[in-house]
Protein backbone atom coordinates (compact mmCIF):
# COMPACT_ATOMS: atom_id res chain seq x y z
CA MET A 1 -96.80 216.20 -144.12
CA ASN A 2 -95.77 218.83 -146.63
CA ALA A 3 -92.40 217.77 -147.99
CA SER A 4 -92.59 219.75 -151.20
CA THR A 5 -90.74 222.76 -149.82
CA ASN A 6 -87.09 222.36 -148.90
CA PHE A 7 -87.02 219.24 -146.78
CA PHE A 8 -83.23 219.49 -146.65
CA ALA A 9 -81.32 222.32 -144.99
CA THR A 10 -79.67 223.38 -148.24
CA THR A 11 -81.00 224.36 -151.64
CA ALA A 12 -77.71 224.39 -153.54
CA PRO A 13 -76.74 221.17 -155.34
CA VAL A 14 -73.59 219.35 -154.28
CA THR A 15 -70.75 220.22 -156.67
CA TYR A 16 -67.18 219.16 -157.30
CA GLY A 17 -64.84 220.93 -154.91
CA GLY A 18 -61.61 219.05 -155.51
CA PRO A 19 -59.43 217.08 -153.11
CA GLU A 20 -58.52 220.15 -151.05
CA THR A 21 -62.06 221.45 -150.53
CA ASP A 22 -63.18 222.42 -147.06
CA LYS A 23 -66.86 222.39 -147.98
CA PRO A 24 -68.65 219.60 -146.08
CA LEU A 25 -71.05 218.98 -148.98
CA ALA A 26 -68.77 218.72 -151.98
CA PHE A 27 -67.41 215.92 -154.11
CA CYS A 28 -63.69 215.65 -153.43
CA TRP A 29 -62.81 213.18 -156.18
CA TYR A 30 -65.83 212.81 -158.45
CA ASP A 31 -65.90 215.53 -161.12
CA LYS A 32 -68.76 214.62 -163.43
CA ASP A 33 -67.38 216.83 -166.22
CA ARG A 34 -63.86 215.38 -166.20
CA ILE A 35 -63.05 213.78 -169.56
CA VAL A 36 -61.85 210.20 -169.32
CA ARG A 37 -61.09 208.34 -172.56
CA GLY A 38 -63.10 210.86 -174.57
CA ARG A 39 -66.24 210.88 -172.42
CA ARG A 40 -67.41 212.76 -169.35
CA LEU A 41 -67.04 210.82 -166.11
CA GLU A 42 -70.81 211.09 -165.58
CA ASP A 43 -71.29 209.16 -168.83
CA HIS A 44 -68.99 206.38 -167.62
CA LEU A 45 -70.38 206.10 -164.08
CA ARG A 46 -74.15 205.78 -164.04
CA PHE A 47 -74.76 206.77 -160.43
CA ALA A 48 -78.29 206.24 -159.18
CA VAL A 49 -80.15 206.86 -155.95
CA CYS A 50 -81.99 203.70 -154.91
CA TYR A 51 -85.44 204.58 -153.65
CA TRP A 52 -85.63 201.79 -151.07
CA HIS A 53 -82.28 202.51 -149.40
CA SER A 54 -82.73 206.26 -149.34
CA PHE A 55 -86.46 206.70 -148.67
CA GLY A 56 -88.17 203.39 -147.90
CA TRP A 57 -85.98 201.74 -145.29
CA ILE A 58 -87.00 202.48 -141.69
CA GLY A 59 -83.51 201.84 -140.31
CA SER A 60 -84.40 198.71 -138.40
CA ASP A 61 -81.81 196.32 -137.10
CA PRO A 62 -81.91 192.95 -135.31
CA PHE A 63 -81.74 194.62 -131.89
CA GLY A 64 -84.36 197.32 -132.26
CA GLY A 65 -87.11 198.82 -134.27
CA GLU A 66 -87.35 201.83 -136.48
CA THR A 67 -84.47 204.31 -136.16
CA PHE A 68 -85.22 206.59 -139.13
CA LEU A 69 -88.23 208.62 -138.01
CA ARG A 70 -89.08 210.00 -141.41
CA PRO A 71 -92.35 211.90 -141.77
CA TRP A 72 -93.43 209.96 -144.87
CA HIS A 73 -93.41 206.69 -142.92
CA HIS A 74 -96.29 207.61 -140.60
CA GLY A 75 -99.77 208.89 -141.29
CA ASP A 76 -103.31 207.96 -142.17
CA ASP A 77 -103.24 208.36 -145.96
CA PRO A 78 -100.71 206.00 -147.62
CA MET A 79 -100.97 207.74 -151.02
CA ALA A 80 -100.36 211.17 -149.46
CA LEU A 81 -97.30 209.71 -147.75
CA ALA A 82 -96.10 208.23 -151.07
CA ARG A 83 -96.50 211.62 -152.77
CA ALA A 84 -94.61 213.34 -149.93
CA LYS A 85 -91.84 210.74 -150.23
CA ALA A 86 -91.64 211.50 -153.97
CA ASP A 87 -91.33 215.23 -153.24
CA VAL A 88 -88.40 214.59 -150.90
CA ALA A 89 -86.83 212.08 -153.30
CA PHE A 90 -86.84 214.42 -156.27
CA GLU A 91 -85.49 217.23 -154.09
CA MET A 92 -82.61 214.94 -153.07
CA PHE A 93 -81.98 213.86 -156.68
CA ARG A 94 -81.65 217.54 -157.58
CA LEU A 95 -79.37 218.32 -154.64
CA LEU A 96 -77.09 215.37 -155.39
CA ASP A 97 -77.24 216.17 -159.11
CA VAL A 98 -77.53 212.46 -159.91
CA PRO A 99 -78.48 211.35 -163.40
CA PHE A 100 -80.55 208.30 -162.33
CA PHE A 101 -82.78 206.73 -159.71
CA THR A 102 -84.07 203.17 -159.27
CA PHE A 103 -87.09 201.64 -157.55
CA HIS A 104 -89.07 198.58 -156.56
CA ASP A 105 -92.82 198.99 -156.98
CA ALA A 106 -93.36 198.59 -153.22
CA ASP A 107 -90.84 201.38 -152.55
CA VAL A 108 -92.84 204.05 -154.31
CA ALA A 109 -96.51 203.14 -153.87
CA PRO A 110 -98.47 201.54 -151.05
CA GLU A 111 -99.93 198.09 -151.49
CA GLY A 112 -103.69 198.10 -151.88
CA ARG A 113 -106.29 195.62 -150.69
CA SER A 114 -106.03 193.85 -154.06
CA LEU A 115 -103.62 193.59 -156.97
CA ALA A 116 -105.86 195.98 -158.96
CA GLU A 117 -105.67 198.59 -156.19
CA SER A 118 -101.89 198.13 -155.88
CA VAL A 119 -101.50 198.66 -159.65
CA LYS A 120 -103.73 201.75 -159.46
CA ASN A 121 -101.54 203.17 -156.67
CA LEU A 122 -98.36 202.42 -158.63
CA ASN A 123 -99.72 204.12 -161.74
CA ALA A 124 -100.80 207.19 -159.74
CA ILE A 125 -97.26 207.58 -158.39
CA ALA A 126 -95.87 206.95 -161.89
CA ASP A 127 -98.01 209.87 -163.09
CA LEU A 128 -96.37 212.03 -160.42
CA PHE A 129 -92.92 210.72 -161.38
CA GLU A 130 -93.56 211.64 -165.02
CA GLN A 131 -94.36 215.22 -163.99
CA LYS A 132 -91.32 215.46 -161.75
CA MET A 133 -89.00 213.86 -164.31
CA SER A 134 -90.12 216.30 -167.00
CA ALA A 135 -88.94 219.17 -164.79
CA ALA A 136 -85.72 217.47 -163.65
CA LYS A 137 -82.65 215.98 -165.25
CA VAL A 138 -82.94 212.69 -163.37
CA ARG A 139 -84.00 209.60 -165.32
CA LEU A 140 -84.99 206.10 -164.35
CA LEU A 141 -82.12 203.61 -164.59
CA TRP A 142 -84.20 200.58 -163.65
CA GLY A 143 -87.42 199.51 -162.01
CA THR A 144 -88.55 196.17 -160.65
CA ALA A 145 -91.20 194.38 -158.63
CA ASN A 146 -90.59 193.56 -154.99
CA LEU A 147 -91.40 189.85 -154.84
CA PHE A 148 -89.73 189.13 -151.52
CA SER A 149 -90.87 191.45 -148.72
CA HIS A 150 -94.53 190.52 -148.41
CA ARG A 151 -95.35 187.37 -146.46
CA ARG A 152 -97.30 185.98 -149.46
CA TYR A 153 -93.89 185.26 -151.03
CA MET A 154 -92.50 183.22 -148.15
CA ALA A 155 -92.56 180.15 -150.44
CA GLY A 156 -91.33 182.10 -153.47
CA ALA A 157 -93.01 184.14 -156.17
CA ALA A 158 -92.42 182.63 -159.61
CA THR A 159 -91.67 179.31 -157.93
CA ASN A 160 -94.56 179.40 -155.48
CA PRO A 161 -96.66 176.23 -155.43
CA ASP A 162 -99.84 178.26 -154.82
CA PRO A 163 -101.26 179.28 -158.23
CA GLU A 164 -102.93 182.38 -156.76
CA VAL A 165 -99.62 183.64 -155.40
CA PHE A 166 -97.89 182.87 -158.71
CA VAL A 167 -100.56 184.82 -160.65
CA TYR A 168 -100.38 187.73 -158.20
CA ALA A 169 -96.58 187.84 -158.66
CA ALA A 170 -96.97 187.78 -162.45
CA GLY A 171 -99.43 190.68 -162.27
CA GLN A 172 -97.10 192.61 -160.01
CA VAL A 173 -94.18 192.07 -162.42
CA ARG A 174 -96.30 193.15 -165.37
CA ALA A 175 -97.36 196.38 -163.65
CA ALA A 176 -93.81 197.24 -162.58
CA LEU A 177 -92.46 196.43 -166.04
CA GLU A 178 -95.09 198.63 -167.71
CA VAL A 179 -94.36 201.54 -165.36
CA THR A 180 -90.61 201.12 -165.88
CA HIS A 181 -91.13 201.23 -169.64
CA ARG A 182 -93.52 204.19 -169.41
CA LEU A 183 -90.98 206.16 -167.36
CA GLY A 184 -88.22 205.43 -169.89
CA GLY A 185 -86.31 203.06 -167.62
CA GLN A 186 -83.08 201.91 -169.19
CA ASN A 187 -83.47 198.41 -167.74
CA TYR A 188 -85.83 196.17 -165.80
CA VAL A 189 -84.40 193.99 -163.06
CA LEU A 190 -85.87 190.52 -162.66
């Protein structure tokens, strides 16, 4: 999959069009440059695109399987798919002209066969994020570790009675926290 070239049908960012606009891709009410109480609206409202909801979720529901057939969900090389997903994500951030994005570690990088491999994958994608962020206006609002989706956490993560699971969770939190800090995240969500 080559997602680095115009995944979306448009290349022009969404702009403010006003309440009477007839443009299908325009903000009708949100004008990021409007001054409210001495500050731009964009400075009051810290909109962020959440990586999981926008790029990671497969669109499953209780009555069926995957409904979002996204090209970065299927393939033989999980890291290539993660890089393609990042290409699409940063293109969408630019098109929406959002100031922030957020992520769970499992949203952005595939899990490896060990914690060390998972951390290596996360850091490789963080390297890519650093490059993309340096060329974009989008910043990281928050990052976190996903300590709920994998079956190892069925009895909890920080509260798990299995010491190996607890230590794995602690390592996962540490890696996500370090990447969040490295990327200039404004917060870390526990």
